[in-house]
Amino acid sequence: MAKLTKKAKSLTEKLGDNQKMYGVAEAIKALKDLKATKFDETLEVSLNLGVDPRHADQMVRGMVVLPSGTGKDVKVAVFARGENAEKALALREQGLTFDAIVSDIEMPGISGFELASMIKADDRWGDTPIVAISAHGTAADFEQGRKVGFSDYVVKMDRGALLRSLTETLSAFGDAA
């Protein structure tokens, strides 16, 4: 067995039983009390949540929002009611560009799935991330959304989830909000 340094011995004595399970607040307090350096230390946490990330209904997301954002203006197009799918395609023909697109799935005429397929098939908006909103939130809906090119799929009426999704999507595509 390797010989313990003075610092390691001191920490072992202070910590005591190393098999003890700590709550989050208690663990953070213990770490602060055991601080042995003169600089800000980094702590990495790994959790086993028992979910399968390959299944859409078991996805877990987390994010940290910077206090003031990056200051960059972001243009997001939302197509959610009426004949908006046709209007979206008309905007594309006019040469307008957006940082992200939010589309309802249930629109009259062209569905959100069809609209996403058309957008992804065209070079002008093909790389633009698209977030789907829908009242349907089954695993089959999520999978169909992925197949046609949606970057994310959010259930309607969850404003917080939509904002988180847009922030994550824009960050992932290099345009952090």
C-alpha atoms as a PDB file:
ATOM      1  CA  MET A   1       0.000   0.000   0.000  1.00  0.00           C
ATOM      2  CA  ALA A   2       1.205   3.505  -0.819  1.00  0.00           C
ATOM      3  CA  LYS A   3       2.337   5.751   1.969  1.00  0.00           C
ATOM      4  CA  LEU A   4      -0.088   8.597   2.812  1.00  0.00           C
ATOM      5  CA  THR A   5       1.139  12.181   2.736  1.00  0.00           C
ATOM      6  CA  LYS A   6       0.666  14.475   5.737  1.00  0.00           C
ATOM      7  CA  LYS A   7      -2.182  16.225   3.939  1.00  0.00           C
ATOM      8  CA  ALA A   8      -3.907  12.919   3.087  1.00  0.00           C
ATOM      9  CA  LYS A   9      -3.526  11.678   6.685  1.00  0.00           C
ATOM     10  CA  SER A  10      -5.013  14.925   8.010  1.00  0.00           C
ATOM     11  CA  LEU A  11      -7.999  14.673   5.648  1.00  0.00           C
ATOM     12  CA  THR A  12      -8.543  11.011   6.535  1.00  0.00           C
ATOM     13  CA  GLU A  13      -8.581  11.861  10.256  1.00  0.00           C
ATOM     14  CA  LYS A  14     -11.063  14.729   9.744  1.00  0.00           C
ATOM     15  CA  LEU A  15     -13.330  12.686   7.471  1.00  0.00           C
ATOM     16  CA  GLY A  16     -13.479   9.599   9.652  1.00  0.00           C
ATOM     17  CA  ASP A  17     -15.718   6.860   8.240  1.00  0.00           C
ATOM     18  CA  ASN A  18     -15.273   6.949   4.471  1.00  0.00           C
ATOM     19  CA  GLN A  19     -18.288   4.677   3.891  1.00  0.00           C
ATOM     20  CA  LYS A  20     -20.804   7.193   5.237  1.00  0.00           C
ATOM     21  CA  MET A  21     -23.531   8.352   2.823  1.00  0.00           C
ATOM     22  CA  TYR A  22     -24.017  12.138   2.745  1.00  0.00           C
ATOM     23  CA  GLY A  23     -26.911  14.267   1.588  1.00  0.00           C
ATOM     24  CA  VAL A  24     -26.056  16.959  -0.990  1.00  0.00           C
ATOM     25  CA  ALA A  25     -26.019  19.875   1.482  1.00  0.00           C
ATOM     26  CA  GLU A  26     -24.076  17.866   4.068  1.00  0.00           C
ATOM     27  CA  ALA A  27     -21.528  16.706   1.441  1.00  0.00           C
ATOM     28  CA  ILE A  28     -20.928  20.265   0.229  1.00  0.00           C
ATOM     29  CA  LYS A  29     -20.441  21.485   3.815  1.00  0.00           C
ATOM     30  CA  ALA A  30     -17.997  18.632   4.503  1.00  0.00           C
ATOM     31  CA  LEU A  31     -16.025  19.448   1.344  1.00  0.00           C
ATOM     32  CA  LYS A  32     -15.787  23.113   2.309  1.00  0.00           C
ATOM     33  CA  ASP A  33     -14.635  22.185   5.812  1.00  0.00           C
ATOM     34  CA  LEU A  34     -11.990  19.810   4.412  1.00  0.00           C
ATOM     35  CA  LYS A  35     -10.546  22.340   1.986  1.00  0.00           C
ATOM     36  CA  ALA A  36      -6.782  21.840   1.920  1.00  0.00           C
ATOM     37  CA  THR A  37      -5.660  24.225  -0.809  1.00  0.00           C
ATOM     38  CA  LYS A  38      -5.327  27.971  -1.174  1.00  0.00           C
ATOM     39  CA  PHE A  39      -7.121  28.069  -4.543  1.00  0.00           C
ATOM     40  CA  ASP A  40     -10.666  27.333  -5.681  1.00  0.00           C
ATOM     41  CA  GLU A  41     -11.005  23.602  -6.097  1.00  0.00           C
ATOM     42  CA  THR A  42     -13.157  21.850  -8.696  1.00  0.00           C
ATOM     43  CA  LEU A  43     -15.663  19.166  -7.856  1.00  0.00           C
ATOM     44  CA  GLU A  44     -17.091  16.776 -10.422  1.00  0.00           C
ATOM     45  CA  VAL A  45     -20.265  14.858  -9.657  1.00  0.00           C
ATOM     46  CA  SER A  46     -21.406  11.728 -11.438  1.00  0.00           C
ATOM     47  CA  LEU A  47     -24.868  10.317 -10.811  1.00  0.00           C
ATOM     48  CA  ASN A  48     -26.462   7.073 -11.931  1.00  0.00           C
ATOM     49  CA  LEU A  49     -30.106   7.961 -12.545  1.00  0.00           C
ATOM     50  CA  GLY A  50     -31.138   4.552 -13.852  1.00  0.00           C
ATOM     51  CA  VAL A  51     -32.486   5.893 -17.161  1.00  0.00           C
ATOM     52  CA  ASP A  52     -31.802   4.799 -20.719  1.00  0.00           C
ATOM     53  CA  PRO A  53     -30.910   7.893 -22.806  1.00  0.00           C
ATOM     54  CA  ARG A  54     -31.801   6.008 -25.993  1.00  0.00           C
ATOM     55  CA  HIS A  55     -35.460   6.275 -25.011  1.00  0.00           C
ATOM     56  CA  ALA A  56     -37.005   9.713 -25.533  1.00  0.00           C
ATOM     57  CA  ASP A  57     -39.339   9.372 -22.562  1.00  0.00           C
ATOM     58  CA  GLN A  58     -36.342   8.845 -20.255  1.00  0.00           C
ATOM     59  CA  MET A  59     -34.241  11.812 -21.364  1.00  0.00           C
ATOM     60  CA  VAL A  60     -32.774  13.904 -18.549  1.00  0.00           C
ATOM     61  CA  ARG A  61     -31.569  17.408 -19.227  1.00  0.00           C
ATOM     62  CA  GLY A  62     -29.793  19.948 -17.163  1.00  0.00           C
ATOM     63  CA  MET A  63     -28.433  23.348 -17.948  1.00  0.00           C
ATOM     64  CA  VAL A  64     -26.732  26.370 -16.488  1.00  0.00           C
ATOM     65  CA  VAL A  65     -27.818  29.771 -17.707  1.00  0.00           C
ATOM     66  CA  LEU A  66     -25.206  32.477 -17.686  1.00  0.00           C
ATOM     67  CA  PRO A  67     -26.364  35.471 -15.615  1.00  0.00           C
ATOM     68  CA  SER A  68     -26.522  37.912 -18.510  1.00  0.00           C
ATOM     69  CA  GLY A  69     -26.353  35.622 -21.545  1.00  0.00           C
ATOM     70  CA  THR A  70     -23.903  36.469 -24.300  1.00  0.00           C
ATOM     71  CA  GLY A  71     -25.600  39.656 -25.464  1.00  0.00           C
ATOM     72  CA  LYS A  72     -26.185  38.168 -28.889  1.00  0.00           C
ATOM     73  CA  ASP A  73     -29.559  38.767 -30.559  1.00  0.00           C
ATOM     74  CA  VAL A  74     -31.239  35.578 -31.689  1.00  0.00           C
ATOM     75  CA  LYS A  75     -33.942  35.341 -34.360  1.00  0.00           C
ATOM     76  CA  VAL A  76     -36.462  32.554 -33.751  1.00  0.00           C
ATOM     77  CA  ALA A  77     -39.348  31.873 -36.142  1.00  0.00           C
ATOM     78  CA  VAL A  78     -42.498  30.322 -34.652  1.00  0.00           C
ATOM     79  CA  PHE A  79     -45.062  28.578 -36.847  1.00  0.00           C
ATOM     80  CA  ALA A  80     -47.924  27.383 -34.697  1.00  0.00           C
ATOM     81  CA  ARG A  81     -51.364  28.311 -36.032  1.00  0.00           C
ATOM     82  CA  GLY A  82     -53.428  28.471 -39.183  1.00  0.00           C
ATOM     83  CA  GLU A  83     -51.661  28.391 -42.518  1.00  0.00           C
ATOM     84  CA  ASN A  84     -48.248  29.006 -40.975  1.00  0.00           C
ATOM     85  CA  ALA A  85     -46.503  26.121 -42.731  1.00  0.00           C
ATOM     86  CA  GLU A  86     -47.181  27.779 -46.076  1.00  0.00           C
ATOM     87  CA  LYS A  87     -46.062  31.137 -44.631  1.00  0.00           C
ATOM     88  CA  ALA A  88     -42.840  29.514 -43.418  1.00  0.00           C
ATOM     89  CA  LEU A  89     -42.045  28.229 -46.870  1.00  0.00           C
ATOM     90  CA  ALA A  90     -42.820  31.672 -48.333  1.00  0.00           C
ATOM     91  CA  LEU A  91     -40.355  33.279 -45.877  1.00  0.00           C
ATOM     92  CA  ARG A  92     -37.727  30.782 -46.955  1.00  0.00           C
ATOM     93  CA  GLU A  93     -38.344  31.729 -50.600  1.00  0.00           C
ATOM     94  CA  GLN A  94     -37.844  35.400 -49.650  1.00  0.00           C
ATOM     95  CA  GLY A  95     -34.368  34.550 -48.328  1.00  0.00           C
ATOM     96  CA  LEU A  96     -35.027  35.211 -44.628  1.00  0.00           C
ATOM     97  CA  THR A  97     -32.878  33.303 -42.147  1.00  0.00           C
ATOM     98  CA  PHE A  98     -33.398  32.372 -38.515  1.00  0.00           C
ATOM     99  CA  ASP A  99     -31.221  30.997 -35.711  1.00  0.00           C
ATOM    100  CA  ALA A 100     -33.957  28.510 -34.763  1.00  0.00           C
ATOM    101  CA  ILE A 101     -37.467  27.508 -35.814  1.00  0.00           C
ATOM    102  CA  VAL A 102     -40.295  26.418 -33.516  1.00  0.00           C
ATOM    103  CA  SER A 103     -43.085  24.503 -35.231  1.00  0.00           C
ATOM    104  CA  ASP A 104     -46.359  23.080 -34.015  1.00  0.00           C
ATOM    105  CA  ILE A 105     -47.011  19.520 -35.125  1.00  0.00           C
ATOM    106  CA  GLU A 106     -50.788  19.896 -35.522  1.00  0.00           C
ATOM    107  CA  MET A 107     -51.276  22.565 -38.202  1.00  0.00           C
ATOM    108  CA  PRO A 108     -53.925  22.564 -40.913  1.00  0.00           C
ATOM    109  CA  GLY A 109     -52.701  21.744 -44.394  1.00  0.00           C
ATOM    110  CA  ILE A 110     -49.062  20.802 -43.916  1.00  0.00           C
ATOM    111  CA  SER A 111     -48.256  19.095 -40.602  1.00  0.00           C
ATOM    112  CA  GLY A 112     -45.200  20.023 -38.564  1.00  0.00           C
ATOM    113  CA  PHE A 113     -43.607  16.702 -39.534  1.00  0.00           C
ATOM    114  CA  GLU A 114     -44.046  17.496 -43.236  1.00  0.00           C
ATOM    115  CA  LEU A 115     -42.777  21.056 -42.721  1.00  0.00           C
ATOM    116  CA  ALA A 116     -39.650  19.796 -40.932  1.00  0.00           C
ATOM    117  CA  SER A 117     -38.970  17.333 -43.754  1.00  0.00           C
ATOM    118  CA  MET A 118     -39.284  20.135 -46.336  1.00  0.00           C
ATOM    119  CA  ILE A 119     -37.035  22.465 -44.327  1.00  0.00           C
ATOM    120  CA  LYS A 120     -34.320  19.851 -43.803  1.00  0.00           C
ATOM    121  CA  ALA A 121     -34.385  18.853 -47.499  1.00  0.00           C
ATOM    122  CA  ASP A 122     -33.574  22.411 -48.632  1.00  0.00           C
ATOM    123  CA  ASP A 123     -30.077  23.915 -48.285  1.00  0.00           C
ATOM    124  CA  ARG A 124     -31.348  27.382 -47.322  1.00  0.00           C
ATOM    125  CA  TRP A 125     -32.732  26.295 -43.925  1.00  0.00           C
ATOM    126  CA  GLY A 126     -31.399  22.731 -43.812  1.00  0.00           C
ATOM    127  CA  ASP A 127     -28.944  23.467 -40.994  1.00  0.00           C
ATOM    128  CA  THR A 128     -31.395  25.546 -38.940  1.00  0.00           C
ATOM    129  CA  PRO A 129     -32.411  23.726 -35.741  1.00  0.00           C
ATOM    130  CA  ILE A 130     -36.153  23.041 -35.430  1.00  0.00           C
ATOM    131  CA  VAL A 131     -37.983  22.526 -32.123  1.00  0.00           C
ATOM    132  CA  ALA A 132     -41.364  20.794 -32.263  1.00  0.00           C
ATOM    133  CA  ILE A 133     -44.248  21.678 -29.954  1.00  0.00           C
ATOM    134  CA  SER A 134     -47.196  19.347 -29.634  1.00  0.00           C
ATOM    135  CA  ALA A 135     -49.969  18.212 -27.338  1.00  0.00           C
ATOM    136  CA  HIS A 136     -48.812  14.643 -28.023  1.00  0.00           C
ATOM    137  CA  GLY A 137     -45.806  13.526 -26.010  1.00  0.00           C
ATOM    138  CA  THR A 138     -45.464   9.793 -26.561  1.00  0.00           C
ATOM    139  CA  ALA A 139     -42.207   8.010 -27.329  1.00  0.00           C
ATOM    140  CA  ALA A 140     -43.508   7.302 -30.865  1.00  0.00           C
ATOM    141  CA  ASP A 141     -44.108  11.047 -31.408  1.00  0.00           C
ATOM    142  CA  PHE A 142     -40.586  11.857 -30.206  1.00  0.00           C
ATOM    143  CA  GLU A 143     -39.105   9.203 -32.490  1.00  0.00           C
ATOM    144  CA  GLN A 144     -41.036  10.444 -35.529  1.00  0.00           C
ATOM    145  CA  GLY A 145     -39.868  13.975 -34.730  1.00  0.00           C
ATOM    146  CA  ARG A 146     -36.238  12.834 -34.666  1.00  0.00           C
ATOM    147  CA  LYS A 147     -36.640  11.014 -37.966  1.00  0.00           C
ATOM    148  CA  VAL A 148     -37.886  14.111 -39.802  1.00  0.00           C
ATOM    149  CA  GLY A 149     -35.178  16.356 -38.350  1.00  0.00           C
ATOM    150  CA  PHE A 150     -36.491  18.083 -35.221  1.00  0.00           C
ATOM    151  CA  SER A 151     -33.687  19.046 -32.845  1.00  0.00           C
ATOM    152  CA  ASP A 152     -36.030  18.736 -29.866  1.00  0.00           C
ATOM    153  CA  TYR A 153     -39.668  17.975 -29.079  1.00  0.00           C
ATOM    154  CA  VAL A 154     -41.533  19.876 -26.338  1.00  0.00           C
ATOM    155  CA  VAL A 155     -45.035  19.248 -25.042  1.00  0.00           C
ATOM    156  CA  LYS A 156     -47.303  22.312 -25.424  1.00  0.00           C
ATOM    157  CA  MET A 157     -48.087  24.611 -22.528  1.00  0.00           C
ATOM    158  CA  ASP A 158     -44.718  24.040 -20.846  1.00  0.00           C
ATOM    159  CA  ARG A 159     -43.177  27.463 -21.420  1.00  0.00           C
ATOM    160  CA  GLY A 160     -40.166  26.702 -19.226  1.00  0.00           C
ATOM    161  CA  ALA A 161     -39.374  23.531 -21.168  1.00  0.00           C
ATOM    162  CA  LEU A 162     -39.632  25.423 -24.456  1.00  0.00           C
ATOM    163  CA  LEU A 163     -37.255  28.155 -23.250  1.00  0.00           C
ATOM    164  CA  ARG A 164     -34.804  25.559 -21.915  1.00  0.00           C
ATOM    165  CA  SER A 165     -35.017  23.656 -25.192  1.00  0.00           C
ATOM    166  CA  LEU A 166     -34.335  26.782 -27.247  1.00  0.00           C
ATOM    167  CA  THR A 167     -31.390  27.752 -25.027  1.00  0.00           C
ATOM    168  CA  GLU A 168     -29.893  24.253 -25.273  1.00  0.00           C
ATOM    169  CA  THR A 169     -30.571  23.977 -28.994  1.00  0.00           C
ATOM    170  CA  LEU A 170     -29.023  27.341 -29.783  1.00  0.00           C
ATOM    171  CA  SER A 171     -26.018  26.535 -27.575  1.00  0.00           C
ATOM    172  CA  ALA A 172     -25.552  23.163 -29.246  1.00  0.00           C
ATOM    173  CA  PHE A 173     -25.623  24.786 -32.684  1.00  0.00           C
ATOM    174  CA  GLY A 174     -23.087  27.434 -31.646  1.00  0.00           C
ATOM    175  CA  ASP A 175     -25.498  30.351 -31.156  1.00  0.00           C
ATOM    176  CA  ALA A 176     -25.899  30.549 -27.376  1.00  0.00           C
ATOM    177  CA  ALA A 177     -28.734  32.844 -26.378  1.00  0.00           C
END
